[in-house]
Amino acid sequence: MAWIDVPDDRDWTGELGEFGREIADREYGRVDNILAIHGLDLGSMRAHQTLYMQAMKGTRTLRKVEREMVALVVSQANKCHY
């Protein structure tokens, strides 16, 4: 398995720190690992967050919670560890 040294989101400063605070999980106060891996490139982190928000946005036919359930099932089927 590949290893990427991800900077701890508690140590982020400047624009990265500001954006990290915007996207941090409200309950835990931390950035999800799938986004934190972009801590080395703010542009890719912003792009990933934009894509995620668009993909998970509720529609008239599929609510956000249903999209989250689909994502969970797909992750489990693919044996994702996150």
PDB file of N, CA and C in Angstrom:
ATOM      1  N   MET A   1       0.840  -1.177   0.000  1.00  0.00           N
ATOM      2  CA  MET A   1       0.000   0.000   0.000  1.00  0.00           C
ATOM      3  C   MET A   1       0.889   1.245   0.000  1.00  0.00           C
ATOM      4  N   ALA A   2       0.487   2.239  -0.759  1.00  0.00           N
ATOM      5  CA  ALA A   2       1.243   3.489  -0.840  1.00  0.00           C
ATOM      6  C   ALA A   2       1.121   4.267   0.467  1.00  0.00           C
ATOM      7  N   TRP A   3       2.121   5.057   0.752  1.00  0.00           N
ATOM      8  CA  TRP A   3       2.103   5.869   1.960  1.00  0.00           C
ATOM      9  C   TRP A   3       2.396   7.317   1.582  1.00  0.00           C
ATOM     10  N   ILE A   4       1.520   8.192   1.980  1.00  0.00           N
ATOM     11  CA  ILE A   4       1.702   9.618   1.744  1.00  0.00           C
ATOM     12  C   ILE A   4       1.760  10.301   3.094  1.00  0.00           C
ATOM     13  N   ASP A   5       2.783  11.065   3.334  1.00  0.00           N
ATOM     14  CA  ASP A   5       2.930  11.786   4.595  1.00  0.00           C
ATOM     15  C   ASP A   5       1.979  12.982   4.578  1.00  0.00           C
ATOM     16  N   VAL A   6       0.871  12.857   5.275  1.00  0.00           N
ATOM     17  CA  VAL A   6      -0.162  13.893   5.292  1.00  0.00           C
ATOM     18  C   VAL A   6       0.070  14.816   6.479  1.00  0.00           C
ATOM     19  N   PRO A   7       0.176  16.127   6.225  1.00  0.00           N
ATOM     20  CA  PRO A   7       0.347  17.058   7.341  1.00  0.00           C
ATOM     21  C   PRO A   7      -0.897  17.046   8.232  1.00  0.00           C
ATOM     22  N   ASP A   8      -0.709  17.079   9.523  1.00  0.00           N
ATOM     23  CA  ASP A   8      -1.805  17.080  10.486  1.00  0.00           C
ATOM     24  C   ASP A   8      -2.639  18.341  10.294  1.00  0.00           C
ATOM     25  N   ASP A   9      -3.955  18.185  10.164  1.00  0.00           N
ATOM     26  CA  ASP A   9      -4.815  19.341   9.901  1.00  0.00           C
ATOM     27  C   ASP A   9      -4.796  20.360  11.040  1.00  0.00           C
ATOM     28  N   ARG A  10      -4.382  19.967  12.226  1.00  0.00           N
ATOM     29  CA  ARG A  10      -4.271  20.920  13.337  1.00  0.00           C
ATOM     30  C   ARG A  10      -3.084  21.855  13.161  1.00  0.00           C
ATOM     31  N   ASP A  11      -2.170  21.502  12.256  1.00  0.00           N
ATOM     32  CA  ASP A  11      -0.985  22.318  12.010  1.00  0.00           C
ATOM     33  C   ASP A  11      -1.106  23.187  10.765  1.00  0.00           C
ATOM     34  N   TRP A  12      -2.215  23.091  10.045  1.00  0.00           N
ATOM     35  CA  TRP A  12      -2.385  23.868   8.827  1.00  0.00           C
ATOM     36  C   TRP A  12      -2.486  25.348   9.156  1.00  0.00           C
ATOM     37  N   THR A  13      -1.857  26.175   8.328  1.00  0.00           N
ATOM     38  CA  THR A  13      -1.902  27.617   8.527  1.00  0.00           C
ATOM     39  C   THR A  13      -2.325  28.306   7.229  1.00  0.00           C
ATOM     40  N   GLY A  14      -2.501  29.587   7.279  1.00  0.00           N
ATOM     41  CA  GLY A  14      -2.825  30.378   6.094  1.00  0.00           C
ATOM     42  C   GLY A  14      -4.122  29.931   5.441  1.00  0.00           C
ATOM     43  N   GLU A  15      -4.142  29.983   4.102  1.00  0.00           N
ATOM     44  CA  GLU A  15      -5.346  29.601   3.348  1.00  0.00           C
ATOM     45  C   GLU A  15      -5.756  28.163   3.616  1.00  0.00           C
ATOM     46  N   LEU A  16      -4.760  27.289   3.731  1.00  0.00           N
ATOM     47  CA  LEU A  16      -5.050  25.884   3.997  1.00  0.00           C
ATOM     48  C   LEU A  16      -5.760  25.740   5.341  1.00  0.00           C
ATOM     49  N   GLY A  17      -5.273  26.432   6.358  1.00  0.00           N
ATOM     50  CA  GLY A  17      -5.902  26.383   7.674  1.00  0.00           C
ATOM     51  C   GLY A  17      -7.313  26.937   7.660  1.00  0.00           C
ATOM     52  N   GLU A  18      -7.514  28.033   6.943  1.00  0.00           N
ATOM     53  CA  GLU A  18      -8.850  28.632   6.847  1.00  0.00           C
ATOM     54  C   GLU A  18      -9.827  27.676   6.168  1.00  0.00           C
ATOM     55  N   PHE A  19      -9.391  27.097   5.044  1.00  0.00           N
ATOM     56  CA  PHE A  19     -10.260  26.171   4.329  1.00  0.00           C
ATOM     57  C   PHE A  19     -10.516  24.921   5.171  1.00  0.00           C
ATOM     58  N   GLY A  20      -9.489  24.464   5.858  1.00  0.00           N
ATOM     59  CA  GLY A  20      -9.647  23.296   6.724  1.00  0.00           C
ATOM     60  C   GLY A  20     -10.696  23.515   7.798  1.00  0.00           C
ATOM     61  N   ARG A  21     -10.722  24.699   8.370  1.00  0.00           N
ATOM     62  CA  ARG A  21     -11.729  24.990   9.385  1.00  0.00           C
ATOM     63  C   ARG A  21     -13.134  25.016   8.778  1.00  0.00           C
ATOM     64  N   GLU A  22     -13.240  25.435   7.530  1.00  0.00           N
ATOM     65  CA  GLU A  22     -14.541  25.463   6.844  1.00  0.00           C
ATOM     66  C   GLU A  22     -15.083  24.058   6.605  1.00  0.00           C
ATOM     67  N   ILE A  23     -14.211  23.125   6.261  1.00  0.00           N
ATOM     68  CA  ILE A  23     -14.664  21.787   5.871  1.00  0.00           C
ATOM     69  C   ILE A  23     -14.532  20.755   6.987  1.00  0.00           C
ATOM     70  N   ALA A  24     -14.023  21.158   8.133  1.00  0.00           N
ATOM     71  CA  ALA A  24     -13.839  20.212   9.242  1.00  0.00           C
ATOM     72  C   ALA A  24     -15.180  19.664   9.710  1.00  0.00           C
ATOM     73  N   ASP A  25     -15.172  18.412  10.105  1.00  0.00           N
ATOM     74  CA  ASP A  25     -16.348  17.784  10.686  1.00  0.00           C
ATOM     75  C   ASP A  25     -16.723  18.563  11.943  1.00  0.00           C
ATOM     76  N   ARG A  26     -17.943  19.022  12.022  1.00  0.00           N
ATOM     77  CA  ARG A  26     -18.383  19.867  13.147  1.00  0.00           C
ATOM     78  C   ARG A  26     -18.340  19.121  14.482  1.00  0.00           C
ATOM     79  N   GLU A  27     -18.631  17.836  14.451  1.00  0.00           N
ATOM     80  CA  GLU A  27     -18.665  17.057  15.692  1.00  0.00           C
ATOM     81  C   GLU A  27     -17.267  16.776  16.236  1.00  0.00           C
ATOM     82  N   TYR A  28     -16.330  16.438  15.339  1.00  0.00           N
ATOM     83  CA  TYR A  28     -14.993  16.042  15.764  1.00  0.00           C
ATOM     84  C   TYR A  28     -13.960  17.153  15.625  1.00  0.00           C
ATOM     85  N   GLY A  29     -14.280  18.178  14.849  1.00  0.00           N
ATOM     86  CA  GLY A  29     -13.353  19.286  14.662  1.00  0.00           C
ATOM     87  C   GLY A  29     -12.130  18.921  13.834  1.00  0.00           C
ATOM     88  N   ARG A  30     -12.231  17.872  13.044  1.00  0.00           N
ATOM     89  CA  ARG A  30     -11.111  17.413  12.214  1.00  0.00           C
ATOM     90  C   ARG A  30     -11.561  17.289  10.767  1.00  0.00           C
ATOM     91  N   VAL A  31     -10.600  17.329   9.859  1.00  0.00           N
ATOM     92  CA  VAL A  31     -10.867  17.143   8.436  1.00  0.00           C
ATOM     93  C   VAL A  31     -10.833  15.647   8.140  1.00  0.00           C
ATOM     94  N   ASP A  32     -11.823  15.169   7.390  1.00  0.00           N
ATOM     95  CA  ASP A  32     -11.869  13.748   7.032  1.00  0.00           C
ATOM     96  C   ASP A  32     -10.584  13.350   6.307  1.00  0.00           C
ATOM     97  N   ASN A  33     -10.126  12.130   6.543  1.00  0.00           N
ATOM     98  CA  ASN A  33      -8.881  11.642   5.940  1.00  0.00           C
ATOM     99  C   ASN A  33      -8.874  11.761   4.418  1.00  0.00           C
ATOM    100  N   ILE A  34     -10.017  11.485   3.794  1.00  0.00           N
ATOM    101  CA  ILE A  34     -10.077  11.517   2.331  1.00  0.00           C
ATOM    102  C   ILE A  34      -9.786  12.919   1.806  1.00  0.00           C
ATOM    103  N   LEU A  35     -10.090  13.944   2.593  1.00  0.00           N
ATOM    104  CA  LEU A  35      -9.762  15.313   2.202  1.00  0.00           C
ATOM    105  C   LEU A  35      -8.396  15.739   2.734  1.00  0.00           C
ATOM    106  N   ALA A  36      -8.046  15.275   3.911  1.00  0.00           N
ATOM    107  CA  ALA A  36      -6.767  15.673   4.514  1.00  0.00           C
ATOM    108  C   ALA A  36      -5.574  15.253   3.669  1.00  0.00           C
ATOM    109  N   ILE A  37      -5.737  14.192   2.904  1.00  0.00           N
ATOM    110  CA  ILE A  37      -4.633  13.745   2.050  1.00  0.00           C
ATOM    111  C   ILE A  37      -4.254  14.823   1.036  1.00  0.00           C
ATOM    112  N   HIS A  38      -5.195  15.736   0.777  1.00  0.00           N
ATOM    113  CA  HIS A  38      -4.929  16.852  -0.137  1.00  0.00           C
ATOM    114  C   HIS A  38      -4.226  18.006   0.579  1.00  0.00           C
ATOM    115  N   GLY A  39      -3.823  17.809   1.817  1.00  0.00           N
ATOM    116  CA  GLY A  39      -3.165  18.859   2.592  1.00  0.00           C
ATOM    117  C   GLY A  39      -1.879  19.371   1.958  1.00  0.00           C
ATOM    118  N   LEU A  40      -1.375  18.637   1.002  1.00  0.00           N
ATOM    119  CA  LEU A  40      -0.164  19.070   0.302  1.00  0.00           C
ATOM    120  C   LEU A  40      -0.483  19.956  -0.891  1.00  0.00           C
ATOM    121  N   ASP A  41      -1.773  20.026  -1.276  1.00  0.00           N
ATOM    122  CA  ASP A  41      -2.169  20.807  -2.448  1.00  0.00           C
ATOM    123  C   ASP A  41      -3.578  21.360  -2.251  1.00  0.00           C
ATOM    124  N   LEU A  42      -3.664  22.615  -1.834  1.00  0.00           N
ATOM    125  CA  LEU A  42      -4.940  23.242  -1.539  1.00  0.00           C
ATOM    126  C   LEU A  42      -5.876  23.215  -2.744  1.00  0.00           C
ATOM    127  N   GLY A  43      -5.351  23.395  -3.942  1.00  0.00           N
ATOM    128  CA  GLY A  43      -6.192  23.381  -5.141  1.00  0.00           C
ATOM    129  C   GLY A  43      -6.906  22.064  -5.321  1.00  0.00           C
ATOM    130  N   SER A  44      -6.209  20.956  -5.121  1.00  0.00           N
ATOM    131  CA  SER A  44      -6.860  19.656  -5.283  1.00  0.00           C
ATOM    132  C   SER A  44      -7.853  19.407  -4.145  1.00  0.00           C
ATOM    133  N   MET A  45      -7.568  19.940  -2.956  1.00  0.00           N
ATOM    134  CA  MET A  45      -8.502  19.789  -1.848  1.00  0.00           C
ATOM    135  C   MET A  45      -9.806  20.534  -2.149  1.00  0.00           C
ATOM    136  N   ARG A  46      -9.683  21.749  -2.654  1.00  0.00           N
ATOM    137  CA  ARG A  46     -10.881  22.529  -3.013  1.00  0.00           C
ATOM    138  C   ARG A  46     -11.682  21.805  -4.107  1.00  0.00           C
ATOM    139  N   ALA A  47     -10.986  21.282  -5.106  1.00  0.00           N
ATOM    140  CA  ALA A  47     -11.653  20.580  -6.205  1.00  0.00           C
ATOM    141  C   ALA A  47     -12.371  19.335  -5.694  1.00  0.00           C
ATOM    142  N   HIS A  48     -11.717  18.582  -4.819  1.00  0.00           N
ATOM    143  CA  HIS A  48     -12.320  17.369  -4.263  1.00  0.00           C
ATOM    144  C   HIS A  48     -13.567  17.725  -3.461  1.00  0.00           C
ATOM    145  N   GLN A  49     -13.482  18.746  -2.633  1.00  0.00           N
ATOM    146  CA  GLN A  49     -14.628  19.152  -1.816  1.00  0.00           C
ATOM    147  C   GLN A  49     -15.790  19.612  -2.696  1.00  0.00           C
ATOM    148  N   THR A  50     -15.496  20.348  -3.749  1.00  0.00           N
ATOM    149  CA  THR A  50     -16.538  20.812  -4.666  1.00  0.00           C
ATOM    150  C   THR A  50     -17.217  19.618  -5.344  1.00  0.00           C
ATOM    151  N   LEU A  51     -16.427  18.671  -5.818  1.00  0.00           N
ATOM    152  CA  LEU A  51     -16.974  17.480  -6.457  1.00  0.00           C
ATOM    153  C   LEU A  51     -17.843  16.693  -5.477  1.00  0.00           C
ATOM    154  N   TYR A  52     -17.356  16.503  -4.259  1.00  0.00           N
ATOM    155  CA  TYR A  52     -18.100  15.762  -3.239  1.00  0.00           C
ATOM    156  C   TYR A  52     -19.441  16.443  -2.936  1.00  0.00           C
ATOM    157  N   MET A  53     -19.401  17.751  -2.730  1.00  0.00           N
ATOM    158  CA  MET A  53     -20.621  18.476  -2.391  1.00  0.00           C
ATOM    159  C   MET A  53     -21.645  18.383  -3.521  1.00  0.00           C
ATOM    160  N   GLN A  54     -21.185  18.468  -4.746  1.00  0.00           N
ATOM    161  CA  GLN A  54     -22.097  18.369  -5.890  1.00  0.00           C
ATOM    162  C   GLN A  54     -22.666  16.962  -6.008  1.00  0.00           C
ATOM    163  N   ALA A  55     -21.828  15.960  -5.839  1.00  0.00           N
ATOM    164  CA  ALA A  55     -22.278  14.575  -5.969  1.00  0.00           C
ATOM    165  C   ALA A  55     -23.246  14.180  -4.859  1.00  0.00           C
ATOM    166  N   MET A  56     -23.076  14.727  -3.666  1.00  0.00           N
ATOM    167  CA  MET A  56     -23.886  14.321  -2.530  1.00  0.00           C
ATOM    168  C   MET A  56     -25.089  15.233  -2.288  1.00  0.00           C
ATOM    169  N   LYS A  57     -25.223  16.283  -3.087  1.00  0.00           N
ATOM    170  CA  LYS A  57     -26.342  17.197  -2.924  1.00  0.00           C
ATOM    171  C   LYS A  57     -27.646  16.465  -3.224  1.00  0.00           C
ATOM    172  N   GLY A  58     -28.627  16.662  -2.381  1.00  0.00           N
ATOM    173  CA  GLY A  58     -29.914  16.019  -2.590  1.00  0.00           C
ATOM    174  C   GLY A  58     -30.612  16.551  -3.831  1.00  0.00           C
ATOM    175  N   THR A  59     -31.438  15.713  -4.423  1.00  0.00           N
ATOM    176  CA  THR A  59     -32.248  16.103  -5.579  1.00  0.00           C
ATOM    177  C   THR A  59     -33.697  15.736  -5.279  1.00  0.00           C
ATOM    178  N   ARG A  60     -34.578  16.007  -6.223  1.00  0.00           N
ATOM    179  CA  ARG A  60     -35.988  15.653  -6.018  1.00  0.00           C
ATOM    180  C   ARG A  60     -36.178  14.146  -5.944  1.00  0.00           C
ATOM    181  N   THR A  61     -35.302  13.380  -6.568  1.00  0.00           N
ATOM    182  CA  THR A  61     -35.487  11.929  -6.620  1.00  0.00           C
ATOM    183  C   THR A  61     -34.615  11.154  -5.637  1.00  0.00           C
ATOM    184  N   LEU A  62     -33.570  11.768  -5.115  1.00  0.00           N
ATOM    185  CA  LEU A  62     -32.682  11.055  -4.195  1.00  0.00           C
ATOM    186  C   LEU A  62     -32.164  12.045  -3.152  1.00  0.00           C
ATOM    187  N   ARG A  63     -32.589  11.838  -1.915  1.00  0.00           N
ATOM    188  CA  ARG A  63     -32.177  12.736  -0.834  1.00  0.00           C
ATOM    189  C   ARG A  63     -30.698  12.541  -0.493  1.00  0.00           C
ATOM    190  N   LYS A  64     -30.124  13.539   0.176  1.00  0.00           N
ATOM    191  CA  LYS A  64     -28.713  13.478   0.558  1.00  0.00           C
ATOM    192  C   LYS A  64     -28.435  12.239   1.402  1.00  0.00           C
ATOM    193  N   VAL A  65     -29.286  11.935   2.362  1.00  0.00           N
ATOM    194  CA  VAL A  65     -29.055  10.779   3.231  1.00  0.00           C
ATOM    195  C   VAL A  65     -29.038   9.476   2.424  1.00  0.00           C
ATOM    196  N   GLU A  66     -29.859   9.399   1.381  1.00  0.00           N
ATOM    197  CA  GLU A  66     -29.854   8.206   0.528  1.00  0.00           C
ATOM    198  C   GLU A  66     -28.565   8.115  -0.277  1.00  0.00           C
ATOM    199  N   ARG A  67     -28.056   9.234  -0.737  1.00  0.00           N
ATOM    200  CA  ARG A  67     -26.777   9.240  -1.449  1.00  0.00           C
ATOM    201  C   ARG A  67     -25.647   8.792  -0.526  1.00  0.00           C
ATOM    202  N   GLU A  68     -25.700   9.233   0.728  1.00  0.00           N
ATOM    203  CA  GLU A  68     -24.692   8.820   1.712  1.00  0.00           C
ATOM    204  C   GLU A  68     -24.755   7.305   1.935  1.00  0.00           C
ATOM    205  N   MET A  69     -25.956   6.756   1.978  1.00  0.00           N
ATOM    206  CA  MET A  69     -26.093   5.308   2.162  1.00  0.00           C
ATOM    207  C   MET A  69     -25.523   4.546   0.974  1.00  0.00           C
ATOM    208  N   VAL A  70     -25.778   5.035  -0.231  1.00  0.00           N
ATOM    209  CA  VAL A  70     -25.213   4.405  -1.430  1.00  0.00           C
ATOM    210  C   VAL A  70     -23.688   4.449  -1.364  1.00  0.00           C
ATOM    211  N   ALA A  71     -23.135   5.596  -0.983  1.00  0.00           N
ATOM    212  CA  ALA A  71     -21.678   5.736  -0.883  1.00  0.00           C
ATOM    213  C   ALA A  71     -21.110   4.754   0.138  1.00  0.00           C
ATOM    214  N   LEU A  72     -21.797   4.569   1.252  1.00  0.00           N
ATOM    215  CA  LEU A  72     -21.338   3.627   2.278  1.00  0.00           C
ATOM    216  C   LEU A  72     -21.331   2.196   1.747  1.00  0.00           C
ATOM    217  N   VAL A  73     -22.397   1.804   1.086  1.00  0.00           N
ATOM    218  CA  VAL A  73     -22.487   0.438   0.548  1.00  0.00           C
ATOM    219  C   VAL A  73     -21.402   0.206  -0.504  1.00  0.00           C
ATOM    220  N   VAL A  74     -21.201   1.175  -1.386  1.00  0.00           N
ATOM    221  CA  VAL A  74     -20.169   1.036  -2.423  1.00  0.00           C
ATOM    222  C   VAL A  74     -18.783   0.936  -1.783  1.00  0.00           C
ATOM    223  N   SER A  75     -18.531   1.758  -0.758  1.00  0.00           N
ATOM    224  CA  SER A  75     -17.237   1.707  -0.070  1.00  0.00           C
ATOM    225  C   SER A  75     -17.016   0.336   0.567  1.00  0.00           C
ATOM    226  N   GLN A  76     -18.053  -0.199   1.189  1.00  0.00           N
ATOM    227  CA  GLN A  76     -17.928  -1.523   1.811  1.00  0.00           C
ATOM    228  C   GLN A  76     -17.726  -2.600   0.755  1.00  0.00           C
ATOM    229  N   ALA A  77     -18.436  -2.512  -0.349  1.00  0.00           N
ATOM    230  CA  ALA A  77     -18.288  -3.506  -1.421  1.00  0.00           C
ATOM    231  C   ALA A  77     -16.882  -3.472  -2.013  1.00  0.00           C
ATOM    232  N   ASN A  78     -16.283  -2.278  -2.038  1.00  0.00           N
ATOM    233  CA  ASN A  78     -14.927  -2.120  -2.566  1.00  0.00           C
ATOM    234  C   ASN A  78     -13.850  -2.311  -1.508  1.00  0.00           C
ATOM    235  N   LYS A  79     -14.289  -2.667  -0.290  1.00  0.00           N
ATOM    236  CA  LYS A  79     -13.390  -2.915   0.843  1.00  0.00           C
ATOM    237  C   LYS A  79     -12.505  -1.702   1.163  1.00  0.00           C
ATOM    238  N   CYS A  80     -13.108  -0.501   1.050  1.00  0.00           N
ATOM    239  CA  CYS A  80     -12.386   0.719   1.430  1.00  0.00           C
ATOM    240  C   CYS A  80     -12.232   0.731   2.948  1.00  0.00           C
ATOM    241  N   HIS A  81     -11.079   1.105   3.418  1.00  0.00           N
ATOM    242  CA  HIS A  81     -10.844   1.111   4.855  1.00  0.00           C
ATOM    243  C   HIS A  81     -11.285   2.407   5.519  1.00  0.00           C
ATOM    244  N   TYR A  82     -11.749   3.375   4.777  1.00  0.00           N
ATOM    245  CA  TYR A  82     -12.158   4.633   5.387  1.00  0.00           C
ATOM    246  C   TYR A  82     -13.654   4.769   5.469  1.00  0.00           C
TER     247      TYR A  82
END
